[in-house]
């Protein structure tokens, strides 16, 4: 008869034990669950600030997927130089002027000989006329008229020759004018055969020193060619402000081609570090390069412009020999640095949030 009274007590005890067990589990599991939820909702930022520098942090897998590579900087010795605008001059007007100059010179020679002959003839006629009028006055006047006509033609030929020479010097400078006027000129032969070209290089107005004898000129195919100074250019490029000079380069380049020249500013050697050209990125109108400061940590540093070499930028500050500079993937690092940070999504798969 006591069994029905015991069963309700046993059931009540079991229910109390189960409730207590559930409460204990919730107390211990809740912190872990909240921590996991917080971890998932707030992942660590890919951009950090370390010692006042902005650092892009990428895992090894992310670097491999982005093909990011870095190489140590090496010390180099070069000359300090600036970049200047250069234009290939159309030399056809020079060739035309040279032909006209040759014709004018031939006319001068011809009229010089005629004038000399007519002067001799007039002098002889005057002597005969003075010697008891052995010739008529009419013959004397004819000889005088011939002499004066030949001298007038000679004077006109000389004016034409001087005008052509002056025009040539006003358009192409003394060096090219002298080469065109010379009976034999290797420089003019190279120009006329297309083996060499003349460039007008416009230096900045602040470039007070005499331009260097030799500079380097960029070509459309990415090469650089040495160019030798000829003379100051009497004509300026209306599109470029500065001081124009003429240089000659042994190359075949189309007329009116615009390119750039690398002009040394000093004969003294400059020691620095070479930042490869493909390692430099542009941001805010300035040049930058990324340095790997630690495994997976990349910092953007300013690269001063003005000392561009044939293969990159030569710097003397901001970098140290041996620094690991990113040579591939620098643009991806810049995009990662500039990407808005701290934006989370409630979707497990972000593309599904498009709807």
C-alpha atoms as a PDB file:
ATOM      1  CA  UNK A   1       0.000   0.000   0.000  1.00  0.00           C
ATOM      2  CA  UNK A   2       3.050   2.341   0.380  1.00  0.00           C
ATOM      3  CA  UNK A   3       4.200   2.005  -3.293  1.00  0.00           C
ATOM      4  CA  UNK A   4       1.851   4.674  -4.714  1.00  0.00           C
ATOM      5  CA  UNK A   5       3.154   7.150  -2.161  1.00  0.00           C
ATOM      6  CA  UNK A   6       6.856   6.459  -3.016  1.00  0.00           C
ATOM      7  CA  UNK A   7       6.523   6.874  -6.816  1.00  0.00           C
ATOM      8  CA  UNK A   8       5.563  10.574  -6.756  1.00  0.00           C
ATOM      9  CA  UNK A   9       8.544  11.332  -4.539  1.00  0.00           C
ATOM     10  CA  UNK A  10      10.939   9.517  -6.876  1.00  0.00           C
ATOM     11  CA  UNK A  11       9.592  11.366  -9.888  1.00  0.00           C
ATOM     12  CA  UNK A  12       9.922  14.722  -8.130  1.00  0.00           C
ATOM     13  CA  UNK A  13      13.507  13.953  -7.145  1.00  0.00           C
ATOM     14  CA  UNK A  14      14.414  13.026 -10.723  1.00  0.00           C
ATOM     15  CA  UNK A  15      12.922  16.220 -12.074  1.00  0.00           C
ATOM     16  CA  UNK A  16      14.885  18.326  -9.576  1.00  0.00           C
ATOM     17  CA  UNK A  17      18.135  16.572 -10.480  1.00  0.00           C
ATOM     18  CA  UNK A  18      17.572  17.115 -14.202  1.00  0.00           C
ATOM     19  CA  UNK A  19      16.812  20.769 -13.704  1.00  0.00           C
ATOM     20  CA  UNK A  20      19.950  21.254 -11.645  1.00  0.00           C
ATOM     21  CA  UNK A  21      22.087  19.499 -14.268  1.00  0.00           C
ATOM     22  CA  UNK A  22      20.673  21.721 -17.013  1.00  0.00           C
ATOM     23  CA  UNK A  23      21.368  24.897 -15.010  1.00  0.00           C
ATOM     24  CA  UNK A  24      24.994  23.847 -14.343  1.00  0.00           C
ATOM     25  CA  UNK A  25      25.617  23.104 -18.038  1.00  0.00           C
ATOM     26  CA  UNK A  26      24.244  26.482 -19.064  1.00  0.00           C
ATOM     27  CA  UNK A  27      26.485  28.266 -16.553  1.00  0.00           C
ATOM     28  CA  UNK A  28      29.650  26.621 -17.935  1.00  0.00           C
ATOM     29  CA  UNK A  29      28.764  26.634 -21.641  1.00  0.00           C
ATOM     30  CA  UNK A  30      27.502  30.232 -21.912  1.00  0.00           C
ATOM     31  CA  UNK A  31      30.920  32.003 -21.648  1.00  0.00           C
ATOM     32  CA  UNK A  32      32.448  29.748 -24.280  1.00  0.00           C
ATOM     33  CA  UNK A  33      29.533  30.239 -26.620  1.00  0.00           C
ATOM     34  CA  UNK A  34      29.612  34.007 -26.246  1.00  0.00           C
ATOM     35  CA  UNK A  35      33.367  34.034 -26.831  1.00  0.00           C
ATOM     36  CA  UNK A  36      32.999  31.983 -29.980  1.00  0.00           C
ATOM     37  CA  UNK A  37      30.217  34.230 -31.220  1.00  0.00           C
ATOM     38  CA  UNK A  38      32.287  37.350 -30.540  1.00  0.00           C
ATOM     39  CA  UNK A  39      35.276  35.799 -32.318  1.00  0.00           C
ATOM     40  CA  UNK A  40      33.240  35.008 -35.383  1.00  0.00           C
ATOM     41  CA  UNK A  41      31.551  38.409 -35.522  1.00  0.00           C
ATOM     42  CA  UNK A  42      34.731  40.475 -34.945  1.00  0.00           C
ATOM     43  CA  UNK A  43      37.710  38.970 -36.847  1.00  0.00           C
ATOM     44  CA  UNK A  44      41.144  40.586 -36.346  1.00  0.00           C
ATOM     45  CA  UNK A  45      41.805  43.566 -38.669  1.00  0.00           C
ATOM     46  CA  UNK A  46      44.163  43.118 -41.685  1.00  0.00           C
ATOM     47  CA  UNK A  47      45.506  46.660 -41.182  1.00  0.00           C
ATOM     48  CA  UNK A  48      47.247  47.615 -37.952  1.00  0.00           C
ATOM     49  CA  UNK A  49      49.289  50.512 -36.601  1.00  0.00           C
ATOM     50  CA  UNK A  50      52.726  49.555 -35.284  1.00  0.00           C
ATOM     51  CA  UNK A  51      55.172  52.193 -34.008  1.00  0.00           C
ATOM     52  CA  UNK A  52      53.246  54.901 -35.812  1.00  0.00           C
ATOM     53  CA  UNK A  53      53.330  53.079 -39.166  1.00  0.00           C
ATOM     54  CA  UNK A  54      50.392  51.506 -40.956  1.00  0.00           C
ATOM     55  CA  UNK A  55      51.023  47.798 -41.410  1.00  0.00           C
ATOM     56  CA  UNK A  56      49.165  45.465 -43.744  1.00  0.00           C
ATOM     57  CA  UNK A  57      49.012  41.964 -42.260  1.00  0.00           C
ATOM     58  CA  UNK A  58      48.553  38.992 -44.552  1.00  0.00           C
ATOM     59  CA  UNK A  59      48.737  35.283 -43.802  1.00  0.00           C
ATOM     60  CA  UNK A  60      51.116  33.015 -45.661  1.00  0.00           C
ATOM     61  CA  UNK A  61      48.215  31.538 -47.607  1.00  0.00           C
ATOM     62  CA  UNK A  62      46.998  35.006 -48.620  1.00  0.00           C
ATOM     63  CA  UNK A  63      50.487  35.999 -49.752  1.00  0.00           C
ATOM     64  CA  UNK A  64      50.809  32.861 -51.813  1.00  0.00           C
ATOM     65  CA  UNK A  65      47.388  33.340 -53.382  1.00  0.00           C
ATOM     66  CA  UNK A  66      48.215  36.979 -54.252  1.00  0.00           C
ATOM     67  CA  UNK A  67      51.687  36.063 -55.587  1.00  0.00           C
ATOM     68  CA  UNK A  68      53.366  38.633 -53.364  1.00  0.00           C
ATOM     69  CA  UNK A  69      57.151  38.572 -53.640  1.00  0.00           C
ATOM     70  CA  UNK A  70      59.892  40.650 -51.995  1.00  0.00           C
ATOM     71  CA  UNK A  71      63.603  41.123 -52.612  1.00  0.00           C
ATOM     72  CA  UNK A  72      66.362  42.779 -50.570  1.00  0.00           C
ATOM     73  CA  UNK A  73      67.564  46.253 -51.529  1.00  0.00           C
ATOM     74  CA  UNK A  74      71.109  46.588 -52.823  1.00  0.00           C
ATOM     75  CA  UNK A  75      73.422  49.591 -52.687  1.00  0.00           C
ATOM     76  CA  UNK A  76      74.196  51.297 -56.006  1.00  0.00           C
ATOM     77  CA  UNK A  77      76.279  54.211 -57.220  1.00  0.00           C
ATOM     78  CA  UNK A  78      74.838  56.578 -59.790  1.00  0.00           C
ATOM     79  CA  UNK A  79      74.628  60.220 -60.798  1.00  0.00           C
ATOM     80  CA  UNK A  80      71.982  62.592 -59.586  1.00  0.00           C
ATOM     81  CA  UNK A  81      69.744  63.404 -62.521  1.00  0.00           C
ATOM     82  CA  UNK A  82      66.472  64.955 -63.544  1.00  0.00           C
ATOM     83  CA  UNK A  83      63.927  64.121 -66.216  1.00  0.00           C
ATOM     84  CA  UNK A  84      63.383  66.555 -69.106  1.00  0.00           C
ATOM     85  CA  UNK A  85      61.040  66.697 -72.092  1.00  0.00           C
ATOM     86  CA  UNK A  86      62.562  65.860 -75.467  1.00  0.00           C
ATOM     87  CA  UNK A  87      61.205  66.094 -79.024  1.00  0.00           C
ATOM     88  CA  UNK A  88      62.677  64.653 -82.222  1.00  0.00           C
ATOM     89  CA  UNK A  89      63.106  67.524 -84.710  1.00  0.00           C
ATOM     90  CA  UNK A  90      61.928  67.282 -88.313  1.00  0.00           C
ATOM     91  CA  UNK A  91      65.149  67.894 -90.285  1.00  0.00           C
ATOM     92  CA  UNK A  92      63.595  68.178 -93.762  1.00  0.00           C
ATOM     93  CA  UNK A  93      63.622  72.024 -93.568  1.00  0.00           C
ATOM     94  CA  UNK A  94      67.337  71.812 -92.723  1.00  0.00           C
ATOM     95  CA  UNK A  95      68.018  69.663 -95.776  1.00  0.00           C
ATOM     96  CA  UNK A  96      66.036  72.060 -97.989  1.00  0.00           C
ATOM     97  CA  UNK A  97      67.929  75.044 -96.632  1.00  0.00           C
ATOM     98  CA  UNK A  98      71.203  73.270 -97.216  1.00  0.00           C
ATOM     99  CA  UNK A  99      70.337  72.695-100.874  1.00  0.00           C
ATOM    100  CA  UNK A 100      69.373  76.340-101.293  1.00  0.00           C
ATOM    101  CA  UNK A 101      72.574  77.333 -99.498  1.00  0.00           C
ATOM    102  CA  UNK A 102      74.642  75.264-101.930  1.00  0.00           C
ATOM    103  CA  UNK A 103      72.904  76.930-104.880  1.00  0.00           C
ATOM    104  CA  UNK A 104      73.466  80.385-103.395  1.00  0.00           C
ATOM    105  CA  UNK A 105      77.123  79.601-102.773  1.00  0.00           C
ATOM    106  CA  UNK A 106      77.524  78.497-106.395  1.00  0.00           C
ATOM    107  CA  UNK A 107      75.898  81.740-107.550  1.00  0.00           C
ATOM    108  CA  UNK A 108      78.336  83.726-105.420  1.00  0.00           C
ATOM    109  CA  UNK A 109      81.276  81.887-106.953  1.00  0.00           C
ATOM    110  CA  UNK A 110      79.937  82.439-110.479  1.00  0.00           C
ATOM    111  CA  UNK A 111      79.208  86.114-110.015  1.00  0.00           C
ATOM    112  CA  UNK A 112      82.539  86.631-108.280  1.00  0.00           C
ATOM    113  CA  UNK A 113      84.332  85.322-111.337  1.00  0.00           C
ATOM    114  CA  UNK A 114      82.170  87.396-113.681  1.00  0.00           C
ATOM    115  CA  UNK A 115      82.668  90.523-111.621  1.00  0.00           C
ATOM    116  CA  UNK A 116      86.425  90.024-111.600  1.00  0.00           C
ATOM    117  CA  UNK A 117      86.457  89.545-115.367  1.00  0.00           C
ATOM    118  CA  UNK A 118      84.293  92.588-116.039  1.00  0.00           C
ATOM    119  CA  UNK A 119      86.455  94.731-113.737  1.00  0.00           C
ATOM    120  CA  UNK A 120      89.533  93.677-115.653  1.00  0.00           C
ATOM    121  CA  UNK A 121      87.810  94.424-118.940  1.00  0.00           C
ATOM    122  CA  UNK A 122      86.714  97.849-117.744  1.00  0.00           C
ATOM    123  CA  UNK A 123      90.199  98.679-116.479  1.00  0.00           C
ATOM    124  CA  UNK A 124      91.673  97.716-119.849  1.00  0.00           C
ATOM    125  CA  UNK A 125      89.070  99.726-121.734  1.00  0.00           C
ATOM    126  CA  UNK A 126      89.705 102.760-119.591  1.00  0.00           C
ATOM    127  CA  UNK A 127      93.436 102.541-120.242  1.00  0.00           C
ATOM    128  CA  UNK A 128      92.882 102.341-123.985  1.00  0.00           C
ATOM    129  CA  UNK A 129      90.435 105.221-123.896  1.00  0.00           C
ATOM    130  CA  UNK A 130      92.900 107.335-121.947  1.00  0.00           C
ATOM    131  CA  UNK A 131      95.682 106.454-124.404  1.00  0.00           C
ATOM    132  CA  UNK A 132      94.650 108.828-127.161  1.00  0.00           C
ATOM    133  CA  UNK A 133      91.147 107.337-127.283  1.00  0.00           C
ATOM    134  CA  UNK A 134      92.169 104.034-128.836  1.00  0.00           C
ATOM    135  CA  UNK A 135      88.585 102.833-128.144  1.00  0.00           C
ATOM    136  CA  UNK A 136      85.359 104.722-128.367  1.00  0.00           C
ATOM    137  CA  UNK A 137      83.646 106.224-125.361  1.00  0.00           C
ATOM    138  CA  UNK A 138      80.666 103.990-126.105  1.00  0.00           C
ATOM    139  CA  UNK A 139      82.794 100.875-125.654  1.00  0.00           C
ATOM    140  CA  UNK A 140      84.158 102.258-122.401  1.00  0.00           C
ATOM    141  CA  UNK A 141      80.651 102.909-121.085  1.00  0.00           C
ATOM    142  CA  UNK A 142      79.535  99.405-122.114  1.00  0.00           C
ATOM    143  CA  UNK A 143      82.438  97.852-120.220  1.00  0.00           C
ATOM    144  CA  UNK A 144      81.596  99.981-117.195  1.00  0.00           C
ATOM    145  CA  UNK A 145      77.926  98.961-117.323  1.00  0.00           C
ATOM    146  CA  UNK A 146      78.847  95.274-117.575  1.00  0.00           C
ATOM    147  CA  UNK A 147      81.149  95.580-114.579  1.00  0.00           C
ATOM    148  CA  UNK A 148      78.508  97.329-112.480  1.00  0.00           C
ATOM    149  CA  UNK A 149      75.871  94.742-113.398  1.00  0.00           C
ATOM    150  CA  UNK A 150      78.162  91.855-112.453  1.00  0.00           C
ATOM    151  CA  UNK A 151      79.020  93.521-109.148  1.00  0.00           C
ATOM    152  CA  UNK A 152      75.313  94.064-108.393  1.00  0.00           C
ATOM    153  CA  UNK A 153      74.528  90.414-109.103  1.00  0.00           C
ATOM    154  CA  UNK A 154      77.442  89.376-106.917  1.00  0.00           C
ATOM    155  CA  UNK A 155      76.199  91.563-104.079  1.00  0.00           C
ATOM    156  CA  UNK A 156      72.692  90.134-104.409  1.00  0.00           C
ATOM    157  CA  UNK A 157      74.050  86.573-104.342  1.00  0.00           C
ATOM    158  CA  UNK A 158      76.042  87.350-101.213  1.00  0.00           C
ATOM    159  CA  UNK A 159      72.947  88.787 -99.485  1.00  0.00           C
ATOM    160  CA  UNK A 160      70.964  85.680-100.413  1.00  0.00           C
ATOM    161  CA  UNK A 161      73.728  83.429 -99.101  1.00  0.00           C
ATOM    162  CA  UNK A 162      73.963  85.359 -95.823  1.00  0.00           C
ATOM    163  CA  UNK A 163      70.187  85.284 -95.445  1.00  0.00           C
ATOM    164  CA  UNK A 164      70.009  81.522 -95.901  1.00  0.00           C
ATOM    165  CA  UNK A 165      72.858  81.030 -93.458  1.00  0.00           C
ATOM    166  CA  UNK A 166      71.143  83.275 -90.912  1.00  0.00           C
ATOM    167  CA  UNK A 167      67.828  81.477 -91.357  1.00  0.00           C
ATOM    168  CA  UNK A 168      69.519  78.149 -90.805  1.00  0.00           C
ATOM    169  CA  UNK A 169      71.213  79.344 -87.630  1.00  0.00           C
ATOM    170  CA  UNK A 170      68.000  80.887 -86.301  1.00  0.00           C
ATOM    171  CA  UNK A 171      66.129  77.614 -86.775  1.00  0.00           C
ATOM    172  CA  UNK A 172      68.755  74.940 -86.066  1.00  0.00           C
ATOM    173  CA  UNK A 173      71.629  76.552 -84.160  1.00  0.00           C
ATOM    174  CA  UNK A 174      75.300  77.043 -84.921  1.00  0.00           C
ATOM    175  CA  UNK A 175      76.398  73.403 -84.741  1.00  0.00           C
ATOM    176  CA  UNK A 176      73.936  72.176 -87.366  1.00  0.00           C
ATOM    177  CA  UNK A 177      74.455  75.272 -89.522  1.00  0.00           C
ATOM    178  CA  UNK A 178      78.205  74.716 -89.541  1.00  0.00           C
ATOM    179  CA  UNK A 179      77.723  71.055 -90.410  1.00  0.00           C
ATOM    180  CA  UNK A 180      75.396  71.958 -93.280  1.00  0.00           C
ATOM    181  CA  UNK A 181      77.792  74.603 -94.609  1.00  0.00           C
ATOM    182  CA  UNK A 182      80.883  72.397 -94.455  1.00  0.00           C
ATOM    183  CA  UNK A 183      81.954  70.753 -97.746  1.00  0.00           C
ATOM    184  CA  UNK A 184      82.239  67.398 -95.948  1.00  0.00           C
ATOM    185  CA  UNK A 185      80.549  66.714 -92.579  1.00  0.00           C
ATOM    186  CA  UNK A 186      80.181  63.284 -90.992  1.00  0.00           C
ATOM    187  CA  UNK A 187      77.447  64.652 -88.719  1.00  0.00           C
ATOM    188  CA  UNK A 188      75.389  65.924 -91.650  1.00  0.00           C
ATOM    189  CA  UNK A 189      75.921  62.684 -93.562  1.00  0.00           C
ATOM    190  CA  UNK A 190      74.574  60.658 -90.631  1.00  0.00           C
ATOM    191  CA  UNK A 191      71.573  62.954 -90.321  1.00  0.00           C
ATOM    192  CA  UNK A 192      70.803  62.904 -94.032  1.00  0.00           C
ATOM    193  CA  UNK A 193      71.051  59.113 -94.199  1.00  0.00           C
ATOM    194  CA  UNK A 194      68.716  58.684 -91.198  1.00  0.00           C
ATOM    195  CA  UNK A 195      71.367  57.095 -88.991  1.00  0.00           C
ATOM    196  CA  UNK A 196      71.094  59.889 -86.418  1.00  0.00           C
ATOM    197  CA  UNK A 197      68.383  62.230 -85.140  1.00  0.00           C
ATOM    198  CA  UNK A 198      68.369  65.621 -83.460  1.00  0.00           C
ATOM    199  CA  UNK A 199      66.320  66.183 -80.300  1.00  0.00           C
ATOM    200  CA  UNK A 200      65.249  69.399 -78.647  1.00  0.00           C
ATOM    201  CA  UNK A 201      65.630  68.841 -74.902  1.00  0.00           C
ATOM    202  CA  UNK A 202      63.924  71.419 -72.689  1.00  0.00           C
ATOM    203  CA  UNK A 203      65.624  71.824 -69.336  1.00  0.00           C
ATOM    204  CA  UNK A 204      63.900  73.445 -66.337  1.00  0.00           C
ATOM    205  CA  UNK A 205      64.467  77.169 -65.963  1.00  0.00           C
ATOM    206  CA  UNK A 206      66.058  76.457 -62.582  1.00  0.00           C
ATOM    207  CA  UNK A 207      68.788  74.423 -64.294  1.00  0.00           C
ATOM    208  CA  UNK A 208      71.439  77.133 -64.113  1.00  0.00           C
ATOM    209  CA  UNK A 209      74.485  75.013 -64.932  1.00  0.00           C
ATOM    210  CA  UNK A 210      75.706  74.350 -68.469  1.00  0.00           C
ATOM    211  CA  UNK A 211      73.963  71.211 -69.752  1.00  0.00           C
ATOM    212  CA  UNK A 212      76.066  68.048 -69.668  1.00  0.00           C
ATOM    213  CA  UNK A 213      77.834  66.898 -72.814  1.00  0.00           C
ATOM    214  CA  UNK A 214      76.009  63.563 -72.746  1.00  0.00           C
ATOM    215  CA  UNK A 215      72.524  62.596 -71.611  1.00  0.00           C
ATOM    216  CA  UNK A 216      70.293  59.512 -71.951  1.00  0.00           C
ATOM    217  CA  UNK A 217      67.120  59.511 -74.036  1.00  0.00           C
ATOM    218  CA  UNK A 218      64.212  57.091 -73.622  1.00  0.00           C
ATOM    219  CA  UNK A 219      62.949  55.264 -76.707  1.00  0.00           C
ATOM    220  CA  UNK A 220      59.405  53.990 -77.362  1.00  0.00           C
ATOM    221  CA  UNK A 221      60.554  50.377 -76.968  1.00  0.00           C
ATOM    222  CA  UNK A 222      61.812  50.967 -73.419  1.00  0.00           C
ATOM    223  CA  UNK A 223      65.518  51.393 -74.204  1.00  0.00           C
ATOM    224  CA  UNK A 224      67.780  54.341 -73.422  1.00  0.00           C
ATOM    225  CA  UNK A 225      70.202  55.904 -75.890  1.00  0.00           C
ATOM    226  CA  UNK A 226      73.147  58.231 -75.291  1.00  0.00           C
ATOM    227  CA  UNK A 227      72.828  61.677 -76.863  1.00  0.00           C
ATOM    228  CA  UNK A 228      75.574  64.259 -77.408  1.00  0.00           C
ATOM    229  CA  UNK A 229      75.119  67.993 -76.953  1.00  0.00           C
ATOM    230  CA  UNK A 230      75.189  70.118 -80.116  1.00  0.00           C
ATOM    231  CA  UNK A 231      74.276  73.682 -79.162  1.00  0.00           C
ATOM    232  CA  UNK A 232      71.591  75.844 -77.649  1.00  0.00           C
ATOM    233  CA  UNK A 233      68.323  75.681 -79.553  1.00  0.00           C
ATOM    234  CA  UNK A 234      67.234  79.024 -81.047  1.00  0.00           C
ATOM    235  CA  UNK A 235      63.630  77.788 -81.132  1.00  0.00           C
ATOM    236  CA  UNK A 236      61.636  76.660 -78.099  1.00  0.00           C
ATOM    237  CA  UNK A 237      58.839  74.150 -77.758  1.00  0.00           C
ATOM    238  CA  UNK A 238      55.672  76.208 -77.202  1.00  0.00           C
ATOM    239  CA  UNK A 239      54.151  73.387 -75.163  1.00  0.00           C
ATOM    240  CA  UNK A 240      57.040  73.184 -72.670  1.00  0.00           C
ATOM    241  CA  UNK A 241      58.477  75.925 -70.466  1.00  0.00           C
ATOM    242  CA  UNK A 242      62.227  75.942 -69.960  1.00  0.00           C
ATOM    243  CA  UNK A 243      65.577  76.314 -71.711  1.00  0.00           C
ATOM    244  CA  UNK A 244      65.900  74.322 -74.971  1.00  0.00           C
ATOM    245  CA  UNK A 245      69.099  72.595 -76.107  1.00  0.00           C
ATOM    246  CA  UNK A 246      69.869  70.452 -79.147  1.00  0.00           C
ATOM    247  CA  UNK A 247      71.292  66.945 -78.816  1.00  0.00           C
ATOM    248  CA  UNK A 248      72.122  64.304 -81.430  1.00  0.00           C
ATOM    249  CA  UNK A 249      71.582  60.570 -80.928  1.00  0.00           C
ATOM    250  CA  UNK A 250      72.560  57.675 -83.175  1.00  0.00           C
ATOM    251  CA  UNK A 251      69.110  56.167 -83.645  1.00  0.00           C
ATOM    252  CA  UNK A 252      66.212  55.951 -86.067  1.00  0.00           C
ATOM    253  CA  UNK A 253      63.249  57.722 -84.485  1.00  0.00           C
ATOM    254  CA  UNK A 254      60.211  59.323 -86.130  1.00  0.00           C
ATOM    255  CA  UNK A 255      60.098  63.105 -86.440  1.00  0.00           C
ATOM    256  CA  UNK A 256      58.050  65.007 -83.839  1.00  0.00           C
ATOM    257  CA  UNK A 257      58.213  62.066 -81.408  1.00  0.00           C
ATOM    258  CA  UNK A 258      57.863  63.249 -77.808  1.00  0.00           C
ATOM    259  CA  UNK A 259      59.870  61.378 -75.209  1.00  0.00           C
ATOM    260  CA  UNK A 260      61.907  62.086 -72.073  1.00  0.00           C
ATOM    261  CA  UNK A 261      65.597  62.546 -71.363  1.00  0.00           C
ATOM    262  CA  UNK A 262      67.604  61.788 -68.230  1.00  0.00           C
ATOM    263  CA  UNK A 263      69.898  64.732 -67.551  1.00  0.00           C
ATOM    264  CA  UNK A 264      72.679  64.463 -64.931  1.00  0.00           C
ATOM    265  CA  UNK A 265      72.712  67.391 -62.537  1.00  0.00           C
ATOM    266  CA  UNK A 266      76.203  66.741 -61.201  1.00  0.00           C
ATOM    267  CA  UNK A 267      79.330  64.867 -62.212  1.00  0.00           C
ATOM    268  CA  UNK A 268      79.708  63.519 -58.671  1.00  0.00           C
ATOM    269  CA  UNK A 269      78.646  59.949 -57.969  1.00  0.00           C
ATOM    270  CA  UNK A 270      75.604  59.395 -55.748  1.00  0.00           C
ATOM    271  CA  UNK A 271      75.472  56.387 -53.407  1.00  0.00           C
ATOM    272  CA  UNK A 272      72.072  55.033 -52.480  1.00  0.00           C
ATOM    273  CA  UNK A 273      69.654  52.129 -52.704  1.00  0.00           C
ATOM    274  CA  UNK A 274      67.854  51.116 -55.884  1.00  0.00           C
ATOM    275  CA  UNK A 275      64.080  50.718 -55.642  1.00  0.00           C
ATOM    276  CA  UNK A 276      63.022  48.671 -58.707  1.00  0.00           C
ATOM    277  CA  UNK A 277      60.609  50.501 -60.965  1.00  0.00           C
ATOM    278  CA  UNK A 278      58.019  47.706 -60.760  1.00  0.00           C
ATOM    279  CA  UNK A 279      58.093  47.920 -56.944  1.00  0.00           C
ATOM    280  CA  UNK A 280      56.827  51.526 -56.935  1.00  0.00           C
ATOM    281  CA  UNK A 281      53.131  52.401 -56.681  1.00  0.00           C
ATOM    282  CA  UNK A 282      51.457  55.796 -57.063  1.00  0.00           C
ATOM    283  CA  UNK A 283      49.113  57.140 -54.398  1.00  0.00           C
ATOM    284  CA  UNK A 284      48.100  60.735 -53.726  1.00  0.00           C
ATOM    285  CA  UNK A 285      50.354  61.976 -56.539  1.00  0.00           C
ATOM    286  CA  UNK A 286      53.452  60.493 -54.860  1.00  0.00           C
ATOM    287  CA  UNK A 287      55.552  57.360 -55.254  1.00  0.00           C
ATOM    288  CA  UNK A 288      55.638  54.620 -52.588  1.00  0.00           C
ATOM    289  CA  UNK A 289      57.057  51.152 -51.988  1.00  0.00           C
ATOM    290  CA  UNK A 290      56.110  48.407 -49.529  1.00  0.00           C
ATOM    291  CA  UNK A 291      58.684  46.912 -47.163  1.00  0.00           C
ATOM    292  CA  UNK A 292      58.212  43.559 -45.448  1.00  0.00           C
ATOM    293  CA  UNK A 293      59.088  44.441 -41.850  1.00  0.00           C
ATOM    294  CA  UNK A 294      58.205  41.005 -40.398  1.00  0.00           C
ATOM    295  CA  UNK A 295      56.717  37.753 -41.684  1.00  0.00           C
ATOM    296  CA  UNK A 296      53.323  38.723 -43.092  1.00  0.00           C
ATOM    297  CA  UNK A 297      53.732  42.416 -42.162  1.00  0.00           C
ATOM    298  CA  UNK A 298      54.086  45.061 -44.905  1.00  0.00           C
ATOM    299  CA  UNK A 299      54.614  48.823 -44.476  1.00  0.00           C
ATOM    300  CA  UNK A 300      54.283  51.503 -47.147  1.00  0.00           C
ATOM    301  CA  UNK A 301      57.153  54.006 -47.321  1.00  0.00           C
ATOM    302  CA  UNK A 302      57.632  57.166 -49.359  1.00  0.00           C
ATOM    303  CA  UNK A 303      60.007  57.043 -52.342  1.00  0.00           C
ATOM    304  CA  UNK A 304      61.387  60.512 -53.194  1.00  0.00           C
ATOM    305  CA  UNK A 305      61.140  61.319 -56.887  1.00  0.00           C
ATOM    306  CA  UNK A 306      63.862  63.088 -58.830  1.00  0.00           C
ATOM    307  CA  UNK A 307      66.615  60.463 -58.893  1.00  0.00           C
ATOM    308  CA  UNK A 308      65.106  58.071 -61.402  1.00  0.00           C
ATOM    309  CA  UNK A 309      67.658  55.712 -62.892  1.00  0.00           C
ATOM    310  CA  UNK A 310      67.440  53.397 -65.854  1.00  0.00           C
ATOM    311  CA  UNK A 311      65.965  50.609 -63.727  1.00  0.00           C
ATOM    312  CA  UNK A 312      64.218  52.398 -60.866  1.00  0.00           C
ATOM    313  CA  UNK A 313      64.545  55.055 -58.174  1.00  0.00           C
ATOM    314  CA  UNK A 314      67.749  55.708 -56.223  1.00  0.00           C
ATOM    315  CA  UNK A 315      66.999  56.709 -52.618  1.00  0.00           C
ATOM    316  CA  UNK A 316      69.287  57.873 -49.842  1.00  0.00           C
ATOM    317  CA  UNK A 317      66.828  57.911 -46.935  1.00  0.00           C
ATOM    318  CA  UNK A 318      63.795  56.044 -45.635  1.00  0.00           C
ATOM    319  CA  UNK A 319      65.217  52.643 -46.553  1.00  0.00           C
ATOM    320  CA  UNK A 320      68.111  50.476 -45.400  1.00  0.00           C
ATOM    321  CA  UNK A 321      70.311  48.052 -47.294  1.00  0.00           C
ATOM    322  CA  UNK A 322      68.803  44.589 -47.079  1.00  0.00           C
ATOM    323  CA  UNK A 323      65.209  45.800 -46.588  1.00  0.00           C
ATOM    324  CA  UNK A 324      62.769  43.379 -48.170  1.00  0.00           C
ATOM    325  CA  UNK A 325      60.899  45.484 -50.739  1.00  0.00           C
ATOM    326  CA  UNK A 326      57.820  44.048 -52.406  1.00  0.00           C
ATOM    327  CA  UNK A 327      58.625  43.591 -56.093  1.00  0.00           C
ATOM    328  CA  UNK A 328      55.358  41.903 -57.033  1.00  0.00           C
ATOM    329  CA  UNK A 329      51.909  42.539 -55.593  1.00  0.00           C
ATOM    330  CA  UNK A 330      52.516  46.069 -54.274  1.00  0.00           C
ATOM    331  CA  UNK A 331      49.319  47.319 -55.891  1.00  0.00           C
ATOM    332  CA  UNK A 332      47.334  44.564 -54.125  1.00  0.00           C
ATOM    333  CA  UNK A 333      48.799  45.637 -50.790  1.00  0.00           C
ATOM    334  CA  UNK A 334      47.804  49.240 -51.484  1.00  0.00           C
ATOM    335  CA  UNK A 335      44.242  48.127 -52.245  1.00  0.00           C
ATOM    336  CA  UNK A 336      44.157  46.101 -49.020  1.00  0.00           C
ATOM    337  CA  UNK A 337      45.453  49.066 -47.007  1.00  0.00           C
ATOM    338  CA  UNK A 338      42.874  51.444 -48.433  1.00  0.00           C
ATOM    339  CA  UNK A 339      39.979  49.010 -48.148  1.00  0.00           C
ATOM    340  CA  UNK A 340      37.421  50.002 -45.462  1.00  0.00           C
ATOM    341  CA  UNK A 341      38.057  48.022 -42.269  1.00  0.00           C
ATOM    342  CA  UNK A 342      35.696  46.665 -39.599  1.00  0.00           C
ATOM    343  CA  UNK A 343      32.777  45.940 -41.933  1.00  0.00           C
ATOM    344  CA  UNK A 344      31.206  42.607 -40.909  1.00  0.00           C
ATOM    345  CA  UNK A 345      28.380  40.647 -42.495  1.00  0.00           C
ATOM    346  CA  UNK A 346      25.680  38.533 -40.919  1.00  0.00           C
ATOM    347  CA  UNK A 347      25.650  36.139 -43.869  1.00  0.00           C
ATOM    348  CA  UNK A 348      27.656  32.980 -43.734  1.00  0.00           C
ATOM    349  CA  UNK A 349      28.393  33.312 -47.430  1.00  0.00           C
ATOM    350  CA  UNK A 350      28.724  37.004 -48.458  1.00  0.00           C
ATOM    351  CA  UNK A 351      27.545  36.527 -52.067  1.00  0.00           C
ATOM    352  CA  UNK A 352      24.202  35.359 -50.690  1.00  0.00           C
ATOM    353  CA  UNK A 353      23.723  38.805 -49.178  1.00  0.00           C
ATOM    354  CA  UNK A 354      23.296  40.327 -52.639  1.00  0.00           C
ATOM    355  CA  UNK A 355      19.599  39.517 -52.518  1.00  0.00           C
END
